Protein backbone atom coordinates (compact mmCIF):
# COMPACT_ATOMS: atom_id res chain seq x y z
CA MET A 1 -5.20 -13.91 8.59
CA LYS A 2 -1.68 -15.54 7.36
CA LEU A 3 -0.93 -16.04 3.17
CA LYS A 4 0.83 -18.14 1.35
CA ILE A 5 0.77 -18.24 -2.54
CA GLU A 6 2.08 -20.02 -4.54
CA ASN A 7 2.95 -20.54 -8.48
CA LEU A 8 -0.26 -18.12 -9.07
CA THR A 9 -0.74 -17.60 -12.92
CA LYS A 10 -3.78 -15.66 -14.18
CA GLU A 11 -4.34 -15.63 -17.53
CA TYR A 12 -7.03 -14.03 -20.63
CA SER A 13 -6.79 -14.93 -23.60
CA GLY A 14 -3.99 -17.08 -24.11
CA LYS A 15 -1.89 -13.31 -22.40
CA LYS A 16 -1.01 -14.79 -19.13
CA VAL A 17 -1.57 -10.77 -16.40
CA LEU A 18 -0.27 -12.62 -13.25
CA ASP A 19 2.68 -15.22 -12.35
CA ILE A 20 3.54 -15.24 -8.62
CA GLU A 21 5.87 -18.30 -7.66
CA ASN A 22 6.20 -17.53 -4.05
CA LEU A 23 5.02 -14.61 -1.69
CA VAL A 24 3.94 -15.35 1.94
CA ILE A 25 2.15 -12.29 3.72
CA GLU A 26 2.15 -13.21 7.42
CA GLN A 27 -0.95 -12.40 9.76
CA GLY A 28 -1.18 -9.04 11.42
CA THR A 29 0.75 -7.19 8.51
CA ILE A 30 -0.50 -3.85 6.83
CA THR A 31 0.64 -4.88 3.67
CA ALA A 32 0.86 -2.09 0.25
CA ILE A 33 0.62 -3.42 -3.32
CA ILE A 34 2.12 -1.10 -5.85
CA GLY A 35 3.08 -0.68 -9.18
CA ALA A 36 2.20 0.54 -12.58
CA ASN A 37 -1.29 0.78 -14.25
CA GLY A 38 -1.20 -3.44 -15.78
CA ALA A 39 1.63 -4.54 -13.36
CA GLY A 40 -1.44 -7.49 -11.49
CA LYS A 41 -2.16 -5.55 -8.15
CA THR A 42 -6.15 -5.49 -8.94
CA THR A 43 -6.38 -9.12 -9.98
CA LEU A 44 -3.96 -10.23 -7.49
CA LEU A 45 -5.97 -8.83 -5.04
CA ASN A 46 -8.98 -10.33 -6.62
CA ILE A 47 -7.68 -13.53 -6.24
CA ILE A 48 -7.53 -13.05 -2.57
CA GLY A 49 -10.58 -12.63 -1.95
CA ASN A 50 -12.00 -14.84 -4.14
CA LEU A 51 -14.08 -12.70 -6.60
CA ASP A 52 -11.58 -14.12 -9.38
CA SER A 53 -10.26 -17.40 -9.71
CA GLN A 54 -6.30 -18.15 -10.48
CA THR A 55 -5.33 -20.26 -13.57
CA THR A 56 -2.95 -21.63 -12.02
CA GLY A 57 -1.34 -22.29 -8.79
CA LYS A 58 -2.97 -21.22 -4.72
CA VAL A 59 -3.34 -18.87 -2.41
CA SER A 60 -3.53 -20.56 1.31
CA TYR A 61 -5.53 -18.54 4.04
CA MET A 62 -4.72 -20.24 7.21
CA ASP A 63 -3.99 -19.17 11.16
CA HIS A 64 -7.80 -18.18 11.67
CA ASP A 65 -10.50 -20.37 13.02
CA LEU A 66 -13.16 -18.85 10.49
CA ILE A 67 -11.08 -20.25 7.66
CA LYS A 68 -11.58 -23.51 8.82
CA THR A 69 -15.39 -24.08 6.92
CA ASN A 70 -15.27 -20.89 4.56
CA PRO A 71 -12.36 -18.25 3.78
CA ARG A 72 -14.91 -15.79 2.48
CA ALA A 73 -17.24 -15.80 6.07
CA ALA A 74 -13.13 -14.14 7.30
CA MET A 75 -12.12 -11.53 4.89
CA THR A 76 -13.51 -8.53 3.05
CA LEU A 77 -13.11 -5.99 0.27
CA VAL A 78 -13.24 -2.95 -0.40
CA PHE A 79 -13.32 -0.97 -4.03
CA GLN A 80 -12.06 2.73 -5.18
CA ASN A 81 -15.84 3.23 -5.94
CA PRO A 82 -17.92 0.92 -2.89
CA TYR A 83 -21.43 -0.16 -3.40
CA LEU A 84 -24.16 0.70 -1.24
CA ILE A 85 -27.15 -0.81 0.16
CA SER A 86 -29.93 3.08 -0.85
CA THR A 87 -30.92 2.56 3.09
CA THR A 88 -29.34 4.70 5.78
CA VAL A 89 -25.93 4.46 7.42
CA GLU A 90 -26.64 2.51 10.21
CA LYS A 91 -28.11 -0.43 7.74
CA ASN A 92 -25.44 -0.83 5.46
CA ILE A 93 -23.09 -1.39 9.15
CA SER A 94 -25.54 -4.00 10.81
CA TYR A 95 -25.96 -5.44 7.03
CA PRO A 96 -22.56 -8.08 7.36
CA LEU A 97 -23.57 -8.71 11.30
CA LYS A 98 -27.44 -9.79 11.11
CA LEU A 99 -26.27 -11.55 7.98
CA ARG A 100 -23.65 -13.16 10.86
CA GLY A 101 -26.25 -14.02 14.26
CA TRP A 102 -24.97 -11.12 15.82
CA SER A 103 -27.98 -10.09 18.84
CA SER A 104 -29.34 -6.48 18.92
CA PHE A 105 -27.58 -5.30 21.52
CA ASP A 106 -23.56 -6.46 20.25
CA ILE A 107 -25.08 -4.43 16.69
CA GLU A 108 -25.57 -1.70 17.91
CA GLU A 109 -22.20 -1.79 20.43
CA ARG A 110 -20.47 -1.82 17.07
CA ILE A 111 -22.13 0.92 15.29
CA SER A 112 -21.21 3.27 17.89
CA GLN A 113 -18.04 2.05 18.02
CA LEU A 114 -17.34 2.31 13.95
CA THR A 115 -19.59 5.40 13.47
CA ARG A 116 -17.96 7.44 16.46
CA GLU A 117 -14.35 7.02 15.21
CA LEU A 118 -15.54 6.93 11.51
CA GLY A 119 -16.70 10.53 12.30
CA LEU A 120 -19.78 8.73 11.46
CA GLU A 121 -22.37 9.32 14.82
CA LYS A 122 -24.53 12.59 12.92
CA LEU A 123 -25.17 10.57 10.16
CA ARG A 124 -25.89 6.68 11.23
CA LYS A 125 -30.08 7.75 9.67
CA ARG A 126 -28.60 9.67 6.89
CA LYS A 127 -29.49 8.16 3.76
CA THR A 128 -26.51 6.76 1.34
CA TRP A 129 -27.41 8.68 -1.44
CA LYS A 130 -27.86 11.91 0.20
CA LEU A 131 -23.40 11.17 1.26
CA SER A 132 -19.65 12.32 -0.02
CA GLY A 133 -17.31 10.61 -2.04
CA GLY A 134 -15.45 10.74 1.27
CA GLU A 135 -18.78 10.02 3.13
CA VAL A 136 -19.93 6.62 1.33
CA GLN A 137 -15.55 5.54 1.56
CA LYS A 138 -16.11 5.58 5.17
CA VAL A 139 -19.60 3.93 5.85
CA ALA A 140 -18.11 1.21 3.43
CA LEU A 141 -14.94 0.53 5.86
CA ALA A 142 -17.19 0.89 8.93
CA ARG A 143 -19.80 -2.11 7.35
CA ALA A 144 -16.43 -3.83 5.81
CA LEU A 145 -14.74 -4.07 9.39
CA SER A 146 -18.35 -4.32 11.07
CA PHE A 147 -18.02 -8.48 11.74
CA ARG A 148 -14.00 -7.99 12.98
CA PRO A 149 -12.57 -9.59 9.69
CA GLY A 150 -9.24 -11.64 9.62
CA LEU A 151 -8.31 -9.85 5.95
CA LEU A 152 -9.58 -6.93 4.68
CA LEU A 153 -8.32 -6.27 1.39
CA LEU A 154 -9.00 -1.95 -0.40
CA ASP A 155 -8.70 -1.13 -3.51
CA GLU A 156 -7.81 2.56 -3.56
CA PRO A 157 -9.31 3.25 -1.05
CA THR A 158 -7.77 6.99 -0.77
CA ALA A 159 -7.62 7.27 -4.52
CA ASN A 160 -11.09 9.95 -4.71
CA ILE A 161 -11.79 11.34 -1.41
CA ASP A 162 -10.16 14.92 0.67
CA PRO A 163 -6.89 14.64 2.57
CA ALA A 164 -8.28 15.29 5.89
CA THR A 165 -10.94 12.06 5.44
CA THR A 166 -8.07 9.74 4.07
CA GLY A 167 -6.07 10.48 6.75
CA GLU A 168 -9.35 9.63 9.26
CA ILE A 169 -9.68 6.38 6.77
CA GLU A 170 -5.61 5.27 7.51
CA ARG A 171 -6.03 5.83 11.41
CA MET A 172 -8.92 3.99 11.41
CA LEU A 173 -6.94 1.07 10.05
CA ALA A 174 -3.74 1.31 12.10
CA LYS A 175 -6.17 1.03 15.13
CA ILE A 176 -7.95 -2.33 13.85
CA ASN A 177 -4.38 -3.49 13.14
CA LYS A 178 -3.27 -2.83 15.88
CA GLU A 179 -5.99 -4.25 18.37
CA GLU A 180 -8.74 -6.22 16.46
CA GLY A 181 -4.79 -7.99 14.81
CA THR A 182 -6.76 -7.51 11.11
CA SER A 183 -4.80 -8.10 7.83
CA ILE A 184 -5.07 -5.25 5.57
CA ILE A 185 -3.71 -5.64 1.85
CA ILE A 186 -4.07 -2.64 0.60
CA VAL A 187 -3.55 -1.62 -3.70
CA THR A 188 -2.71 1.98 -3.88
CA HIS A 189 -0.85 4.14 -6.12
CA ASN A 190 0.16 6.80 -2.92
CA LEU A 191 3.97 6.24 -2.06
CA PRO A 192 3.25 8.15 0.20
CA GLN A 193 0.51 6.45 1.71
CA ALA A 194 1.81 3.42 1.47
CA LYS A 195 4.72 4.55 3.24
CA ARG A 196 2.84 6.36 6.25
CA VAL A 197 0.53 3.48 7.05
CA CYS A 198 1.94 0.18 5.41
CA ASN A 199 4.89 -2.10 7.50
CA LYS A 200 5.04 -4.80 4.49
CA LEU A 201 5.33 -3.68 0.76
CA ILE A 202 5.14 -5.74 -2.29
CA PHE A 203 6.17 -4.42 -6.35
CA LEU A 204 4.97 -5.50 -8.84
CA ASN A 205 5.55 -5.11 -12.64
CA LYS A 206 4.01 -6.96 -14.93
CA GLY A 207 2.42 -9.75 -13.20
CA LYS A 208 5.80 -10.16 -11.79
CA LEU A 209 7.03 -10.08 -8.01
CA ILE A 210 9.93 -7.83 -8.25
CA GLU A 211 10.33 -7.16 -4.99
CA GLU A 212 8.71 -7.24 -1.29
CA GLY A 213 9.44 -6.80 2.20
CA ASN A 214 10.02 -3.54 4.26
CA SER A 215 7.75 -1.10 3.23
CA GLY A 216 9.88 2.06 4.78
CA GLU A 217 13.18 -0.14 3.52
CA ILE A 218 11.97 -0.46 0.24
CA LEU A 219 10.81 2.94 -0.73
CA LYS A 220 14.14 4.29 0.42
CA ASN A 221 16.33 1.72 -0.74
CA PRO A 222 14.92 -0.24 -3.39
CA VAL A 223 17.62 -3.32 -4.28
CA ASN A 224 15.15 -3.72 -7.67
CA SER A 225 16.53 -1.00 -10.22
CA LEU A 226 13.08 -1.17 -11.75
CA THR A 227 11.64 -0.62 -8.35
CA ARG A 228 13.94 2.22 -8.26
CA ARG A 229 12.78 3.31 -11.39
CA PHE A 230 8.99 2.88 -10.37
CA ILE A 231 9.66 5.23 -7.38
CA GLU A 232 11.34 7.74 -8.73
CA GLY A 233 8.77 8.39 -10.79
CA GLU A 234 9.49 7.05 -14.29
CA LEU A 235 6.90 5.14 -16.98
CA LEU A 236 7.68 2.19 -17.16
CA VAL A 237 6.29 0.15 -19.81
């Protein structure tokens, strides 16, 4: 899915927390949104995901058949602390597919694929309240990917999990992006992760778009001094 953002603002109690004149996110990219706390990263993600509404401006969703009737049907969002249904792992993964009328055969095929690739095969029958934090995150990702969304939105998806699970999730994101063409947007404070996984990077500061472009190039040689200071670890206030 391709996104085009024009003259987008968001205000809370008269305070402008987001102000982006123009931004295009191309279809098939993996994009990191970085910035200090309060930069507007999650606000932007929530507006793109239709969980919040902008004060002014427009977000256009393009290049995906499902958006002709319902943009929400073509996208999904995984939170840092995801909510799972109080049932088994496999029933969580199958839930979006049942809502979309998938056949029992296709549902089983998709569950088998995702649990295999995310190391969840032995946990299919386990109740979700018995899962570790990393396992919860992987189940939430499998559920989000189950219906092959055109756009996957992730808010700090590996912030509280171990390196091994982080690696599994990163490999899965790269695989889904390559094989299924899913566009992915990740809000992250993890700059090495942005470099490993993402091919595009967006840097926000105080709600403004400061710099965007190739992730490797920006992280290595940022053009804007604010971007450079943030990447070097300076606290921006």
